[in-house]
Amino acid sequence: MESKKYNCFFQLATDIIGGKWKGMVLWALKKDVRRNGELKRLIPNISQKMLTQQLRELEEAGIVERIVYPVIPPKVEYKLTSAGEKLIPILYDLHDWGKEYAKNNEIGIKFSEDAHCVID
């Protein structure tokens, strides 16, 4: 991680896992080891460039582990580290909060017809 001075532990946490895509990457990895192509299929609308960037940042932060197998063609998998696994209950809480919020909110939140949460 970059050397940055934080004023709050919450600020550090949101800096590590915040943003549009990191939560979805973590959600996709919550139960299984995944290959890049699987992650790309499970996370709608993320570009390959953005997926690679998010995985690198999460790896640098010690949240995701990149496993490289010495085979041809190259095989690479990603999984949560022990620090990443500690986020799983928080991810479920966020999922449940979002579901409840969407049900009870009157501002017209819409989901695509094929909306899913990667793997529930």
N, C-alpha and C. Protein backbone atom coordinates (compact mmCIF):
# COMPACT_ATOMS: atom_id res chain seq x y z
N MET A 1 0.83 -1.19 0.00
CA MET A 1 0.00 0.00 0.00
C MET A 1 0.86 1.24 0.00
N GLU A 2 0.32 2.27 -0.57
CA GLU A 2 1.04 3.54 -0.57
C GLU A 2 1.18 4.05 0.86
N SER A 3 2.21 4.82 1.09
CA SER A 3 2.42 5.39 2.41
C SER A 3 1.54 6.63 2.53
N LYS A 4 0.53 6.53 3.37
CA LYS A 4 -0.44 7.59 3.52
C LYS A 4 -0.79 7.71 4.99
N LYS A 5 -0.98 8.91 5.45
CA LYS A 5 -1.34 9.11 6.85
C LYS A 5 -2.85 9.19 6.97
N TYR A 6 -3.39 8.33 7.81
CA TYR A 6 -4.83 8.27 8.01
C TYR A 6 -5.21 8.91 9.34
N ASN A 7 -6.40 9.47 9.39
CA ASN A 7 -6.92 10.08 10.61
C ASN A 7 -7.89 9.16 11.33
N CYS A 8 -8.25 8.05 10.69
CA CYS A 8 -9.30 7.20 11.24
C CYS A 8 -9.16 5.79 10.64
N PHE A 9 -9.42 4.77 11.45
CA PHE A 9 -9.35 3.39 10.96
C PHE A 9 -10.42 3.13 9.90
N PHE A 10 -11.57 3.76 10.04
CA PHE A 10 -12.63 3.63 9.03
C PHE A 10 -12.15 4.15 7.68
N GLN A 11 -11.43 5.26 7.71
CA GLN A 11 -10.87 5.84 6.48
C GLN A 11 -9.93 4.84 5.81
N LEU A 12 -9.09 4.19 6.60
CA LEU A 12 -8.19 3.16 6.06
C LEU A 12 -8.98 2.03 5.42
N ALA A 13 -9.99 1.53 6.14
CA ALA A 13 -10.79 0.41 5.64
C ALA A 13 -11.48 0.76 4.32
N THR A 14 -12.10 1.93 4.25
CA THR A 14 -12.81 2.30 3.02
C THR A 14 -11.83 2.61 1.89
N ASP A 15 -10.63 3.04 2.24
CA ASP A 15 -9.62 3.26 1.21
C ASP A 15 -9.20 1.93 0.57
N ILE A 16 -9.14 0.88 1.39
CA ILE A 16 -8.72 -0.43 0.89
C ILE A 16 -9.82 -1.12 0.10
N ILE A 17 -11.06 -1.09 0.59
CA ILE A 17 -12.12 -1.87 -0.06
C ILE A 17 -13.18 -1.01 -0.74
N GLY A 18 -12.99 0.30 -0.74
CA GLY A 18 -13.98 1.19 -1.34
C GLY A 18 -13.89 1.25 -2.84
N GLY A 19 -14.83 1.93 -3.44
CA GLY A 19 -14.85 2.09 -4.88
C GLY A 19 -15.97 1.27 -5.50
N LYS A 20 -16.15 1.46 -6.78
CA LYS A 20 -17.26 0.84 -7.50
C LYS A 20 -17.14 -0.67 -7.61
N TRP A 21 -15.93 -1.22 -7.76
CA TRP A 21 -15.78 -2.62 -8.12
C TRP A 21 -15.21 -3.53 -7.05
N LYS A 22 -14.47 -3.01 -6.09
CA LYS A 22 -13.79 -3.88 -5.14
C LYS A 22 -14.77 -4.74 -4.33
N GLY A 23 -15.88 -4.16 -3.94
CA GLY A 23 -16.88 -4.94 -3.21
C GLY A 23 -17.38 -6.12 -4.03
N MET A 24 -17.61 -5.91 -5.30
CA MET A 24 -18.08 -7.00 -6.16
C MET A 24 -17.00 -8.07 -6.36
N VAL A 25 -15.75 -7.65 -6.45
CA VAL A 25 -14.65 -8.62 -6.57
C VAL A 25 -14.59 -9.47 -5.30
N LEU A 26 -14.66 -8.82 -4.15
CA LEU A 26 -14.63 -9.54 -2.88
C LEU A 26 -15.84 -10.47 -2.76
N TRP A 27 -17.01 -10.00 -3.17
CA TRP A 27 -18.23 -10.81 -3.12
C TRP A 27 -18.07 -12.06 -3.98
N ALA A 28 -17.46 -11.92 -5.15
CA ALA A 28 -17.27 -13.06 -6.05
C ALA A 28 -16.26 -14.06 -5.49
N LEU A 29 -15.37 -13.60 -4.63
CA LEU A 29 -14.34 -14.48 -4.07
C LEU A 29 -14.71 -15.01 -2.69
N LYS A 30 -15.88 -14.67 -2.18
CA LYS A 30 -16.20 -14.98 -0.78
C LYS A 30 -16.26 -16.46 -0.47
N LYS A 31 -16.57 -17.30 -1.45
CA LYS A 31 -16.70 -18.74 -1.19
C LYS A 31 -15.68 -19.59 -1.93
N ASP A 32 -15.13 -19.08 -3.02
CA ASP A 32 -14.31 -19.93 -3.88
C ASP A 32 -13.07 -19.22 -4.39
N VAL A 33 -12.11 -20.04 -4.79
CA VAL A 33 -10.96 -19.58 -5.57
C VAL A 33 -11.48 -19.39 -6.99
N ARG A 34 -11.09 -18.30 -7.62
CA ARG A 34 -11.60 -18.01 -8.97
C ARG A 34 -10.46 -17.64 -9.92
N ARG A 35 -10.68 -17.99 -11.17
CA ARG A 35 -9.77 -17.56 -12.23
C ARG A 35 -10.27 -16.23 -12.77
N ASN A 36 -9.40 -15.54 -13.48
CA ASN A 36 -9.73 -14.22 -14.02
C ASN A 36 -10.99 -14.25 -14.88
N GLY A 37 -11.08 -15.22 -15.76
CA GLY A 37 -12.25 -15.32 -16.65
C GLY A 37 -13.54 -15.52 -15.89
N GLU A 38 -13.49 -16.30 -14.82
CA GLU A 38 -14.68 -16.50 -13.99
C GLU A 38 -15.12 -15.19 -13.35
N LEU A 39 -14.15 -14.46 -12.81
CA LEU A 39 -14.47 -13.18 -12.19
C LEU A 39 -15.08 -12.23 -13.20
N LYS A 40 -14.53 -12.19 -14.39
CA LYS A 40 -15.04 -11.31 -15.45
C LYS A 40 -16.49 -11.65 -15.78
N ARG A 41 -16.81 -12.94 -15.84
CA ARG A 41 -18.19 -13.36 -16.13
C ARG A 41 -19.14 -13.06 -14.97
N LEU A 42 -18.65 -13.17 -13.75
CA LEU A 42 -19.49 -12.98 -12.57
C LEU A 42 -19.77 -11.52 -12.23
N ILE A 43 -18.93 -10.62 -12.75
CA ILE A 43 -19.08 -9.21 -12.42
C ILE A 43 -19.49 -8.47 -13.69
N PRO A 44 -20.78 -8.26 -13.88
CA PRO A 44 -21.27 -7.62 -15.10
C PRO A 44 -20.70 -6.21 -15.29
N ASN A 45 -20.36 -5.90 -16.50
CA ASN A 45 -19.95 -4.55 -16.92
C ASN A 45 -18.55 -4.11 -16.48
N ILE A 46 -17.80 -4.94 -15.79
CA ILE A 46 -16.43 -4.54 -15.44
C ILE A 46 -15.52 -4.83 -16.64
N SER A 47 -14.66 -3.88 -16.96
CA SER A 47 -13.72 -4.11 -18.06
C SER A 47 -12.56 -4.97 -17.56
N GLN A 48 -11.86 -5.60 -18.48
CA GLN A 48 -10.72 -6.42 -18.10
C GLN A 48 -9.65 -5.56 -17.43
N LYS A 49 -9.44 -4.37 -17.95
CA LYS A 49 -8.44 -3.46 -17.38
C LYS A 49 -8.79 -3.11 -15.93
N MET A 50 -10.05 -2.81 -15.68
CA MET A 50 -10.48 -2.44 -14.33
C MET A 50 -10.41 -3.63 -13.38
N LEU A 51 -10.81 -4.82 -13.86
CA LEU A 51 -10.72 -6.03 -13.04
C LEU A 51 -9.28 -6.28 -12.63
N THR A 52 -8.36 -6.19 -13.57
CA THR A 52 -6.95 -6.40 -13.28
C THR A 52 -6.45 -5.37 -12.27
N GLN A 53 -6.83 -4.12 -12.44
CA GLN A 53 -6.41 -3.06 -11.52
C GLN A 53 -6.94 -3.32 -10.11
N GLN A 54 -8.21 -3.69 -10.00
CA GLN A 54 -8.81 -3.93 -8.69
C GLN A 54 -8.16 -5.13 -8.00
N LEU A 55 -7.90 -6.20 -8.76
CA LEU A 55 -7.24 -7.36 -8.19
C LEU A 55 -5.83 -7.03 -7.72
N ARG A 56 -5.12 -6.23 -8.48
CA ARG A 56 -3.76 -5.83 -8.08
C ARG A 56 -3.79 -5.00 -6.80
N GLU A 57 -4.72 -4.06 -6.70
CA GLU A 57 -4.83 -3.23 -5.51
C GLU A 57 -5.20 -4.06 -4.28
N LEU A 58 -6.12 -4.98 -4.45
CA LEU A 58 -6.51 -5.85 -3.33
C LEU A 58 -5.37 -6.79 -2.94
N GLU A 59 -4.60 -7.24 -3.93
CA GLU A 59 -3.43 -8.08 -3.64
C GLU A 59 -2.38 -7.27 -2.89
N GLU A 60 -2.13 -6.07 -3.35
CA GLU A 60 -1.15 -5.19 -2.70
C GLU A 60 -1.54 -4.90 -1.24
N ALA A 61 -2.83 -4.81 -0.99
CA ALA A 61 -3.33 -4.53 0.36
C ALA A 61 -3.35 -5.77 1.25
N GLY A 62 -3.08 -6.95 0.66
CA GLY A 62 -3.07 -8.18 1.44
C GLY A 62 -4.45 -8.77 1.67
N ILE A 63 -5.42 -8.39 0.83
CA ILE A 63 -6.80 -8.87 0.95
C ILE A 63 -7.05 -10.06 0.02
N VAL A 64 -6.40 -10.05 -1.12
CA VAL A 64 -6.54 -11.11 -2.13
C VAL A 64 -5.15 -11.69 -2.41
N GLU A 65 -5.11 -13.00 -2.59
CA GLU A 65 -3.86 -13.68 -2.96
C GLU A 65 -3.95 -14.13 -4.41
N ARG A 66 -2.89 -13.88 -5.15
CA ARG A 66 -2.77 -14.31 -6.54
C ARG A 66 -1.92 -15.57 -6.55
N ILE A 67 -2.47 -16.65 -7.09
CA ILE A 67 -1.76 -17.92 -7.14
C ILE A 67 -1.41 -18.21 -8.60
N VAL A 68 -0.12 -18.31 -8.88
CA VAL A 68 0.35 -18.56 -10.24
C VAL A 68 0.89 -19.98 -10.31
N TYR A 69 0.35 -20.76 -11.23
CA TYR A 69 0.80 -22.14 -11.43
C TYR A 69 1.81 -22.17 -12.58
N PRO A 70 2.91 -22.88 -12.41
CA PRO A 70 3.95 -22.93 -13.45
C PRO A 70 3.60 -23.91 -14.57
N VAL A 71 2.57 -23.58 -15.32
CA VAL A 71 2.14 -24.43 -16.44
C VAL A 71 2.00 -23.57 -17.69
N ILE A 72 1.95 -24.25 -18.81
CA ILE A 72 1.71 -23.57 -20.08
C ILE A 72 0.45 -24.15 -20.68
N PRO A 73 -0.55 -23.35 -21.03
CA PRO A 73 -0.61 -21.90 -20.85
C PRO A 73 -0.69 -21.54 -19.37
N PRO A 74 -0.32 -20.30 -19.03
CA PRO A 74 -0.30 -19.89 -17.63
C PRO A 74 -1.67 -20.03 -16.97
N LYS A 75 -1.66 -20.45 -15.72
CA LYS A 75 -2.88 -20.56 -14.94
C LYS A 75 -2.71 -19.70 -13.69
N VAL A 76 -3.66 -18.78 -13.50
CA VAL A 76 -3.63 -17.88 -12.35
C VAL A 76 -4.99 -17.94 -11.67
N GLU A 77 -4.98 -18.04 -10.35
CA GLU A 77 -6.21 -18.03 -9.57
C GLU A 77 -6.10 -16.97 -8.48
N TYR A 78 -7.26 -16.56 -7.99
CA TYR A 78 -7.34 -15.57 -6.94
C TYR A 78 -8.19 -16.11 -5.81
N LYS A 79 -7.77 -15.77 -4.58
CA LYS A 79 -8.56 -16.16 -3.42
C LYS A 79 -8.37 -15.11 -2.33
N LEU A 80 -9.30 -15.11 -1.38
CA LEU A 80 -9.18 -14.20 -0.26
C LEU A 80 -8.09 -14.69 0.68
N THR A 81 -7.33 -13.77 1.23
CA THR A 81 -6.38 -14.10 2.28
C THR A 81 -7.15 -14.19 3.60
N SER A 82 -6.46 -14.50 4.68
CA SER A 82 -7.16 -14.53 5.98
C SER A 82 -7.70 -13.15 6.32
N ALA A 83 -6.99 -12.09 5.95
CA ALA A 83 -7.51 -10.73 6.18
C ALA A 83 -8.76 -10.49 5.33
N GLY A 84 -8.75 -10.99 4.10
CA GLY A 84 -9.92 -10.86 3.23
C GLY A 84 -11.11 -11.65 3.73
N GLU A 85 -10.86 -12.83 4.28
CA GLU A 85 -11.95 -13.66 4.81
C GLU A 85 -12.66 -12.99 5.99
N LYS A 86 -11.94 -12.16 6.73
CA LYS A 86 -12.55 -11.43 7.84
C LYS A 86 -13.59 -10.42 7.35
N LEU A 87 -13.55 -10.08 6.08
CA LEU A 87 -14.52 -9.15 5.50
C LEU A 87 -15.85 -9.82 5.14
N ILE A 88 -15.88 -11.15 5.06
CA ILE A 88 -17.07 -11.85 4.60
C ILE A 88 -18.32 -11.49 5.42
N PRO A 89 -18.29 -11.49 6.75
CA PRO A 89 -19.50 -11.11 7.49
C PRO A 89 -19.94 -9.67 7.18
N ILE A 90 -18.98 -8.80 6.95
CA ILE A 90 -19.30 -7.40 6.62
C ILE A 90 -19.96 -7.34 5.25
N LEU A 91 -19.45 -8.14 4.31
CA LEU A 91 -20.04 -8.18 2.97
C LEU A 91 -21.48 -8.67 3.02
N TYR A 92 -21.74 -9.70 3.82
CA TYR A 92 -23.11 -10.19 3.97
C TYR A 92 -24.01 -9.13 4.60
N ASP A 93 -23.49 -8.42 5.59
CA ASP A 93 -24.27 -7.34 6.21
C ASP A 93 -24.60 -6.26 5.19
N LEU A 94 -23.63 -5.88 4.36
CA LEU A 94 -23.88 -4.88 3.32
C LEU A 94 -24.90 -5.38 2.30
N HIS A 95 -24.78 -6.65 1.92
CA HIS A 95 -25.75 -7.25 1.00
C HIS A 95 -27.15 -7.17 1.58
N ASP A 96 -27.30 -7.59 2.83
CA ASP A 96 -28.62 -7.60 3.46
C ASP A 96 -29.16 -6.18 3.64
N TRP A 97 -28.29 -5.25 3.98
CA TRP A 97 -28.72 -3.86 4.10
C TRP A 97 -29.22 -3.34 2.76
N GLY A 98 -28.47 -3.62 1.69
CA GLY A 98 -28.88 -3.18 0.36
C GLY A 98 -30.21 -3.77 -0.07
N LYS A 99 -30.40 -5.05 0.23
CA LYS A 99 -31.66 -5.72 -0.11
C LYS A 99 -32.83 -5.08 0.63
N GLU A 100 -32.65 -4.86 1.92
CA GLU A 100 -33.70 -4.24 2.73
C GLU A 100 -33.97 -2.80 2.29
N TYR A 101 -32.92 -2.08 2.02
CA TYR A 101 -33.04 -0.69 1.57
C TYR A 101 -33.80 -0.62 0.25
N ALA A 102 -33.47 -1.51 -0.68
CA ALA A 102 -34.14 -1.52 -1.97
C ALA A 102 -35.63 -1.83 -1.83
N LYS A 103 -35.97 -2.73 -0.93
CA LYS A 103 -37.38 -3.10 -0.73
C LYS A 103 -38.19 -1.96 -0.12
N ASN A 104 -37.58 -1.23 0.80
CA ASN A 104 -38.31 -0.22 1.56
C ASN A 104 -38.13 1.19 1.06
N ASN A 105 -37.33 1.37 0.03
CA ASN A 105 -37.05 2.71 -0.46
C ASN A 105 -38.08 3.13 -1.49
N GLU A 106 -38.49 4.37 -1.40
CA GLU A 106 -39.53 4.87 -2.30
C GLU A 106 -38.99 5.74 -3.42
N ILE A 107 -37.69 5.74 -3.63
CA ILE A 107 -37.14 6.60 -4.68
C ILE A 107 -36.97 5.87 -6.01
N GLY A 108 -37.48 4.66 -6.10
CA GLY A 108 -37.50 3.95 -7.38
C GLY A 108 -36.18 3.32 -7.77
N ILE A 109 -35.56 2.62 -6.87
CA ILE A 109 -34.33 1.89 -7.20
C ILE A 109 -34.71 0.73 -8.12
N LYS A 110 -33.97 0.60 -9.22
CA LYS A 110 -34.29 -0.43 -10.20
C LYS A 110 -33.14 -1.41 -10.34
N PHE A 111 -33.49 -2.64 -10.64
CA PHE A 111 -32.52 -3.69 -10.89
C PHE A 111 -32.80 -4.27 -12.27
N SER A 112 -31.75 -4.75 -12.93
CA SER A 112 -31.97 -5.39 -14.22
C SER A 112 -32.73 -6.69 -13.99
N GLU A 113 -33.39 -7.16 -15.04
CA GLU A 113 -34.20 -8.37 -14.92
C GLU A 113 -33.35 -9.58 -14.55
N ASP A 114 -32.09 -9.58 -14.98
CA ASP A 114 -31.22 -10.71 -14.66
C ASP A 114 -30.31 -10.40 -13.47
N ALA A 115 -30.73 -9.46 -12.64
CA ALA A 115 -29.91 -9.08 -11.49
C ALA A 115 -29.68 -10.28 -10.58
N HIS A 116 -28.47 -10.41 -10.15
CA HIS A 116 -28.11 -11.44 -9.20
C HIS A 116 -26.90 -10.93 -8.43
N CYS A 117 -26.61 -11.57 -7.37
CA CYS A 117 -25.48 -11.15 -6.54
C CYS A 117 -24.36 -12.16 -6.67
N VAL A 118 -23.93 -12.39 -7.86
CA VAL A 118 -22.86 -13.33 -8.21
C VAL A 118 -23.27 -14.72 -7.73
N ILE A 119 -23.02 -15.01 -6.48
CA ILE A 119 -23.42 -16.28 -5.91
C ILE A 119 -23.88 -16.00 -4.50
N ASP A 120 -25.10 -16.31 -4.21
CA ASP A 120 -25.62 -16.10 -2.85
C ASP A 120 -25.40 -17.32 -2.01
